[in-house]
Amino acid sequence: MTQITINIEDKSILPHLKKILNAIDGVSIAKPEKKRKTGLDEAYEDVRAGRISHFESADEMFKAFGI
């Protein structure tokens, strides 16, 4: 199978282009893959959203978690 990547600046022509390409036998449109977040990306997101805890010592952390 041969693949071609097309860059389109004007998004308004995208529906028309998809119709034309789908009408051609043997041509399919692949859906773009979603970029998966890495653990580091998720950690940075947690920091930005304030979903972090700060403890002065390990004992304090264990008490907070009920351990």
PDB file of N, CA and C in Angstrom:
ATOM      1  N   MET A   1       0.835  -1.160   0.000  1.00  0.00           N
ATOM      2  CA  MET A   1       0.000   0.000   0.000  1.00  0.00           C
ATOM      3  C   MET A   1       0.892   1.240   0.000  1.00  0.00           C
ATOM      4  N   THR A   2       0.558   2.191  -0.805  1.00  0.00           N
ATOM      5  CA  THR A   2       1.276   3.458  -0.888  1.00  0.00           C
ATOM      6  C   THR A   2       0.510   4.506  -0.104  1.00  0.00           C
ATOM      7  N   GLN A   3       1.234   5.324   0.636  1.00  0.00           N
ATOM      8  CA  GLN A   3       0.604   6.384   1.418  1.00  0.00           C
ATOM      9  C   GLN A   3       1.103   7.730   0.946  1.00  0.00           C
ATOM     10  N   ILE A   4       0.194   8.702   0.981  1.00  0.00           N
ATOM     11  CA  ILE A   4       0.528  10.075   0.622  1.00  0.00           C
ATOM     12  C   ILE A   4       0.057  10.969   1.774  1.00  0.00           C
ATOM     13  N   THR A   5       0.890  11.874   2.204  1.00  0.00           N
ATOM     14  CA  THR A   5       0.521  12.834   3.233  1.00  0.00           C
ATOM     15  C   THR A   5       0.256  14.170   2.554  1.00  0.00           C
ATOM     16  N   ILE A   6      -0.896  14.747   2.875  1.00  0.00           N
ATOM     17  CA  ILE A   6      -1.286  16.024   2.273  1.00  0.00           C
ATOM     18  C   ILE A   6      -1.425  17.052   3.385  1.00  0.00           C
ATOM     19  N   ASN A   7      -0.782  18.185   3.244  1.00  0.00           N
ATOM     20  CA  ASN A   7      -0.921  19.288   4.197  1.00  0.00           C
ATOM     21  C   ASN A   7      -1.898  20.297   3.617  1.00  0.00           C
ATOM     22  N   ILE A   8      -2.935  20.631   4.389  1.00  0.00           N
ATOM     23  CA  ILE A   8      -3.979  21.539   3.924  1.00  0.00           C
ATOM     24  C   ILE A   8      -4.008  22.757   4.825  1.00  0.00           C
ATOM     25  N   GLU A   9      -3.829  23.930   4.252  1.00  0.00           N
ATOM     26  CA  GLU A   9      -3.838  25.167   5.032  1.00  0.00           C
ATOM     27  C   GLU A   9      -5.263  25.675   5.254  1.00  0.00           C
ATOM     28  N   ASP A  10      -6.110  25.557   4.251  1.00  0.00           N
ATOM     29  CA  ASP A  10      -7.486  26.059   4.334  1.00  0.00           C
ATOM     30  C   ASP A  10      -8.411  24.913   4.757  1.00  0.00           C
ATOM     31  N   LYS A  11      -8.811  24.889   6.025  1.00  0.00           N
ATOM     32  CA  LYS A  11      -9.624  23.783   6.552  1.00  0.00           C
ATOM     33  C   LYS A  11     -11.015  23.726   5.938  1.00  0.00           C
ATOM     34  N   SER A  12     -11.462  24.793   5.306  1.00  0.00           N
ATOM     35  CA  SER A  12     -12.809  24.808   4.731  1.00  0.00           C
ATOM     36  C   SER A  12     -12.940  23.862   3.539  1.00  0.00           C
ATOM     37  N   ILE A  13     -11.833  23.518   2.891  1.00  0.00           N
ATOM     38  CA  ILE A  13     -11.930  22.603   1.738  1.00  0.00           C
ATOM     39  C   ILE A  13     -11.834  21.136   2.158  1.00  0.00           C
ATOM     40  N   LEU A  14     -11.550  20.880   3.427  1.00  0.00           N
ATOM     41  CA  LEU A  14     -11.359  19.515   3.900  1.00  0.00           C
ATOM     42  C   LEU A  14     -12.575  18.614   3.671  1.00  0.00           C
ATOM     43  N   PRO A  15     -13.809  19.030   3.982  1.00  0.00           N
ATOM     44  CA  PRO A  15     -14.954  18.143   3.723  1.00  0.00           C
ATOM     45  C   PRO A  15     -15.109  17.784   2.243  1.00  0.00           C
ATOM     46  N   HIS A  16     -14.853  18.748   1.373  1.00  0.00           N
ATOM     47  CA  HIS A  16     -14.969  18.498  -0.064  1.00  0.00           C
ATOM     48  C   HIS A  16     -13.899  17.516  -0.532  1.00  0.00           C
ATOM     49  N   LEU A  17     -12.696  17.698  -0.024  1.00  0.00           N
ATOM     50  CA  LEU A  17     -11.592  16.819  -0.400  1.00  0.00           C
ATOM     51  C   LEU A  17     -11.857  15.394   0.085  1.00  0.00           C
ATOM     52  N   LYS A  18     -12.394  15.260   1.289  1.00  0.00           N
ATOM     53  CA  LYS A  18     -12.713  13.929   1.814  1.00  0.00           C
ATOM     54  C   LYS A  18     -13.761  13.235   0.947  1.00  0.00           C
ATOM     55  N   LYS A  19     -14.785  13.971   0.523  1.00  0.00           N
ATOM     56  CA  LYS A  19     -15.822  13.395  -0.353  1.00  0.00           C
ATOM     57  C   LYS A  19     -15.219  12.887  -1.654  1.00  0.00           C
ATOM     58  N   ILE A  20     -14.354  13.690  -2.234  1.00  0.00           N
ATOM     59  CA  ILE A  20     -13.727  13.314  -3.505  1.00  0.00           C
ATOM     60  C   ILE A  20     -12.875  12.065  -3.340  1.00  0.00           C
ATOM     61  N   LEU A  21     -12.053  12.032  -2.281  1.00  0.00           N
ATOM     62  CA  LEU A  21     -11.168  10.887  -2.063  1.00  0.00           C
ATOM     63  C   LEU A  21     -11.944   9.622  -1.730  1.00  0.00           C
ATOM     64  N   ASN A  22     -13.028   9.745  -0.958  1.00  0.00           N
ATOM     65  CA  ASN A  22     -13.839   8.568  -0.640  1.00  0.00           C
ATOM     66  C   ASN A  22     -14.565   8.018  -1.849  1.00  0.00           C
ATOM     67  N   ALA A  23     -14.800   8.851  -2.868  1.00  0.00           N
ATOM     68  CA  ALA A  23     -15.486   8.407  -4.078  1.00  0.00           C
ATOM     69  C   ALA A  23     -14.575   7.588  -4.991  1.00  0.00           C
ATOM     70  N   ILE A  24     -13.293   7.631  -4.772  1.00  0.00           N
ATOM     71  CA  ILE A  24     -12.337   6.898  -5.605  1.00  0.00           C
ATOM     72  C   ILE A  24     -12.145   5.498  -5.030  1.00  0.00           C
ATOM     73  N   ASP A  25     -12.360   4.475  -5.874  1.00  0.00           N
ATOM     74  CA  ASP A  25     -12.172   3.092  -5.437  1.00  0.00           C
ATOM     75  C   ASP A  25     -10.714   2.845  -5.065  1.00  0.00           C
ATOM     76  N   GLY A  26     -10.517   2.168  -3.948  1.00  0.00           N
ATOM     77  CA  GLY A  26      -9.170   1.822  -3.518  1.00  0.00           C
ATOM     78  C   GLY A  26      -8.473   2.884  -2.694  1.00  0.00           C
ATOM     79  N   VAL A  27      -9.157   4.002  -2.430  1.00  0.00           N
ATOM     80  CA  VAL A  27      -8.566   5.067  -1.627  1.00  0.00           C
ATOM     81  C   VAL A  27      -9.294   5.111  -0.291  1.00  0.00           C
ATOM     82  N   SER A  28      -8.543   5.131   0.779  1.00  0.00           N
ATOM     83  CA  SER A  28      -9.141   5.258   2.109  1.00  0.00           C
ATOM     84  C   SER A  28      -8.422   6.365   2.863  1.00  0.00           C
ATOM     85  N   ILE A  29      -9.106   6.917   3.846  1.00  0.00           N
ATOM     86  CA  ILE A  29      -8.538   7.996   4.647  1.00  0.00           C
ATOM     87  C   ILE A  29      -8.249   7.437   6.028  1.00  0.00           C
ATOM     88  N   ALA A  30      -6.992   7.477   6.422  1.00  0.00           N
ATOM     89  CA  ALA A  30      -6.587   6.979   7.733  1.00  0.00           C
ATOM     90  C   ALA A  30      -6.821   8.072   8.770  1.00  0.00           C
ATOM     91  N   LYS A  31      -7.342   7.674   9.921  1.00  0.00           N
ATOM     92  CA  LYS A  31      -7.559   8.636  10.995  1.00  0.00           C
ATOM     93  C   LYS A  31      -6.232   8.896  11.693  1.00  0.00           C
ATOM     94  N   PRO A  32      -5.962  10.149  12.034  1.00  0.00           N
ATOM     95  CA  PRO A  32      -4.688  10.456  12.711  1.00  0.00           C
ATOM     96  C   PRO A  32      -4.658   9.826  14.101  1.00  0.00           C
ATOM     97  N   GLU A  33      -3.479   9.363  14.483  1.00  0.00           N
ATOM     98  CA  GLU A  33      -3.316   8.770  15.804  1.00  0.00           C
ATOM     99  C   GLU A  33      -3.248   9.873  16.843  1.00  0.00           C
ATOM    100  N   LYS A  34      -3.907   9.628  17.972  1.00  0.00           N
ATOM    101  CA  LYS A  34      -3.826  10.594  19.060  1.00  0.00           C
ATOM    102  C   LYS A  34      -2.486  10.435  19.750  1.00  0.00           C
ATOM    103  N   LYS A  35      -1.886  11.546  20.079  1.00  0.00           N
ATOM    104  CA  LYS A  35      -0.602  11.508  20.762  1.00  0.00           C
ATOM    105  C   LYS A  35      -0.839  11.062  22.201  1.00  0.00           C
ATOM    106  N   ARG A  36      -0.147  10.033  22.610  1.00  0.00           N
ATOM    107  CA  ARG A  36      -0.291   9.534  23.962  1.00  0.00           C
ATOM    108  C   ARG A  36       0.584  10.354  24.903  1.00  0.00           C
ATOM    109  N   LYS A  37       0.023  10.623  26.071  1.00  0.00           N
ATOM    110  CA  LYS A  37       0.783  11.374  27.068  1.00  0.00           C
ATOM    111  C   LYS A  37       1.772  10.448  27.754  1.00  0.00           C
ATOM    112  N   THR A  38       2.946  10.962  27.972  1.00  0.00           N
ATOM    113  CA  THR A  38       3.944  10.213  28.735  1.00  0.00           C
ATOM    114  C   THR A  38       3.675  10.454  30.215  1.00  0.00           C
ATOM    115  N   GLY A  39       4.290   9.662  31.057  1.00  0.00           N
ATOM    116  CA  GLY A  39       4.145   9.850  32.486  1.00  0.00           C
ATOM    117  C   GLY A  39       4.626  11.216  32.925  1.00  0.00           C
ATOM    118  N   LEU A  40       5.681  11.697  32.293  1.00  0.00           N
ATOM    119  CA  LEU A  40       6.202  13.022  32.630  1.00  0.00           C
ATOM    120  C   LEU A  40       5.205  14.111  32.248  1.00  0.00           C
ATOM    121  N   ASP A  41       4.558  13.974  31.075  1.00  0.00           N
ATOM    122  CA  ASP A  41       3.535  14.943  30.672  1.00  0.00           C
ATOM    123  C   ASP A  41       2.389  14.967  31.676  1.00  0.00           C
ATOM    124  N   GLU A  42       1.970  13.782  32.135  1.00  0.00           N
ATOM    125  CA  GLU A  42       0.893  13.708  33.120  1.00  0.00           C
ATOM    126  C   GLU A  42       1.318  14.348  34.439  1.00  0.00           C
ATOM    127  N   ALA A  43       2.569  14.135  34.834  1.00  0.00           N
ATOM    128  CA  ALA A  43       3.067  14.726  36.078  1.00  0.00           C
ATOM    129  C   ALA A  43       3.083  16.250  35.985  1.00  0.00           C
ATOM    130  N   TYR A  44       3.547  16.799  34.874  1.00  0.00           N
ATOM    131  CA  TYR A  44       3.548  18.255  34.696  1.00  0.00           C
ATOM    132  C   TYR A  44       2.117  18.800  34.740  1.00  0.00           C
ATOM    133  N   GLU A  45       1.199  18.061  34.144  1.00  0.00           N
ATOM    134  CA  GLU A  45      -0.207  18.473  34.153  1.00  0.00           C
ATOM    135  C   GLU A  45      -0.747  18.499  35.589  1.00  0.00           C
ATOM    136  N   ASP A  46      -0.386  17.499  36.396  1.00  0.00           N
ATOM    137  CA  ASP A  46      -0.796  17.468  37.799  1.00  0.00           C
ATOM    138  C   ASP A  46      -0.251  18.672  38.558  1.00  0.00           C
ATOM    139  N   VAL A  47       0.994  19.025  38.319  1.00  0.00           N
ATOM    140  CA  VAL A  47       1.599  20.183  38.988  1.00  0.00           C
ATOM    141  C   VAL A  47       0.856  21.453  38.600  1.00  0.00           C
ATOM    142  N   ARG A  48       0.589  21.642  37.316  1.00  0.00           N
ATOM    143  CA  ARG A  48      -0.118  22.841  36.850  1.00  0.00           C
ATOM    144  C   ARG A  48      -1.521  22.932  37.450  1.00  0.00           C
ATOM    145  N   ALA A  49      -2.180  21.765  37.615  1.00  0.00           N
ATOM    146  CA  ALA A  49      -3.544  21.746  38.149  1.00  0.00           C
ATOM    147  C   ALA A  49      -3.574  21.768  39.675  1.00  0.00           C
ATOM    148  N   GLY A  50      -2.412  21.696  40.307  1.00  0.00           N
ATOM    149  CA  GLY A  50      -2.348  21.753  41.755  1.00  0.00           C
ATOM    150  C   GLY A  50      -2.672  20.437  42.440  1.00  0.00           C
ATOM    151  N   ARG A  51      -2.575  19.341  41.714  1.00  0.00           N
ATOM    152  CA  ARG A  51      -2.875  18.020  42.279  1.00  0.00           C
ATOM    153  C   ARG A  51      -1.603  17.385  42.849  1.00  0.00           C
ATOM    154  N   ILE A  52      -0.965  18.096  43.747  1.00  0.00           N
ATOM    155  CA  ILE A  52       0.259  17.585  44.362  1.00  0.00           C
ATOM    156  C   ILE A  52       0.155  17.753  45.877  1.00  0.00           C
ATOM    157  N   SER A  53       0.934  16.991  46.601  1.00  0.00           N
ATOM    158  CA  SER A  53       1.000  17.092  48.058  1.00  0.00           C
ATOM    159  C   SER A  53       2.456  17.255  48.453  1.00  0.00           C
ATOM    160  N   HIS A  54       2.664  17.990  49.533  1.00  0.00           N
ATOM    161  CA  HIS A  54       4.015  18.208  50.029  1.00  0.00           C
ATOM    162  C   HIS A  54       4.070  17.743  51.479  1.00  0.00           C
ATOM    163  N   PHE A  55       5.068  16.945  51.801  1.00  0.00           N
ATOM    164  CA  PHE A  55       5.243  16.436  53.150  1.00  0.00           C
ATOM    165  C   PHE A  55       6.650  16.791  53.631  1.00  0.00           C
ATOM    166  N   GLU A  56       6.749  17.089  54.925  1.00  0.00           N
ATOM    167  CA  GLU A  56       8.040  17.435  55.505  1.00  0.00           C
ATOM    168  C   GLU A  56       8.912  16.198  55.736  1.00  0.00           C
ATOM    169  N   SER A  57       8.272  15.046  55.925  1.00  0.00           N
ATOM    170  CA  SER A  57       9.039  13.833  56.180  1.00  0.00           C
ATOM    171  C   SER A  57       8.265  12.623  55.661  1.00  0.00           C
ATOM    172  N   ALA A  58       8.965  11.510  55.596  1.00  0.00           N
ATOM    173  CA  ALA A  58       8.324  10.270  55.161  1.00  0.00           C
ATOM    174  C   ALA A  58       7.276   9.836  56.182  1.00  0.00           C
ATOM    175  N   ASP A  59       7.557  10.039  57.465  1.00  0.00           N
ATOM    176  CA  ASP A  59       6.589   9.677  58.503  1.00  0.00           C
ATOM    177  C   ASP A  59       5.285  10.455  58.333  1.00  0.00           C
ATOM    178  N   GLU A  60       5.408  11.742  58.013  1.00  0.00           N
ATOM    179  CA  GLU A  60       4.230  12.577  57.787  1.00  0.00           C
ATOM    180  C   GLU A  60       3.424  12.055  56.599  1.00  0.00           C
ATOM    181  N   MET A  61       4.112  11.644  55.549  1.00  0.00           N
ATOM    182  CA  MET A  61       3.438  11.104  54.368  1.00  0.00           C
ATOM    183  C   MET A  61       2.702   9.811  54.712  1.00  0.00           C
ATOM    184  N   PHE A  62       3.363   8.912  55.437  1.00  0.00           N
ATOM    185  CA  PHE A  62       2.732   7.653  55.803  1.00  0.00           C
ATOM    186  C   PHE A  62       1.500   7.884  56.671  1.00  0.00           C
ATOM    187  N   LYS A  63       1.557   8.862  57.579  1.00  0.00           N
ATOM    188  CA  LYS A  63       0.393   9.177  58.405  1.00  0.00           C
ATOM    189  C   LYS A  63      -0.756   9.688  57.549  1.00  0.00           C
ATOM    190  N   ALA A  64      -0.448  10.529  56.571  1.00  0.00           N
ATOM    191  CA  ALA A  64      -1.473  11.077  55.701  1.00  0.00           C
ATOM    192  C   ALA A  64      -2.163   9.989  54.877  1.00  0.00           C
ATOM    193  N   PHE A  65      -1.414   8.953  54.500  1.00  0.00           N
ATOM    194  CA  PHE A  65      -1.973   7.845  53.725  1.00  0.00           C
ATOM    195  C   PHE A  65      -2.559   6.749  54.600  1.00  0.00           C
ATOM    196  N   GLY A  66      -2.445   6.919  55.912  1.00  0.00           N
ATOM    197  CA  GLY A  66      -3.000   5.936  56.824  1.00  0.00           C
ATOM    198  C   GLY A  66      -2.192   4.656  56.908  1.00  0.00           C
ATOM    199  N   ILE A  67      -0.902   4.762  56.683  1.00  0.00           N
ATOM    200  CA  ILE A  67      -0.037   3.579  56.714  1.00  0.00           C
ATOM    201  C   ILE A  67       0.711   3.534  58.033  1.00  0.00           C
TER     202      ILE A  67
END
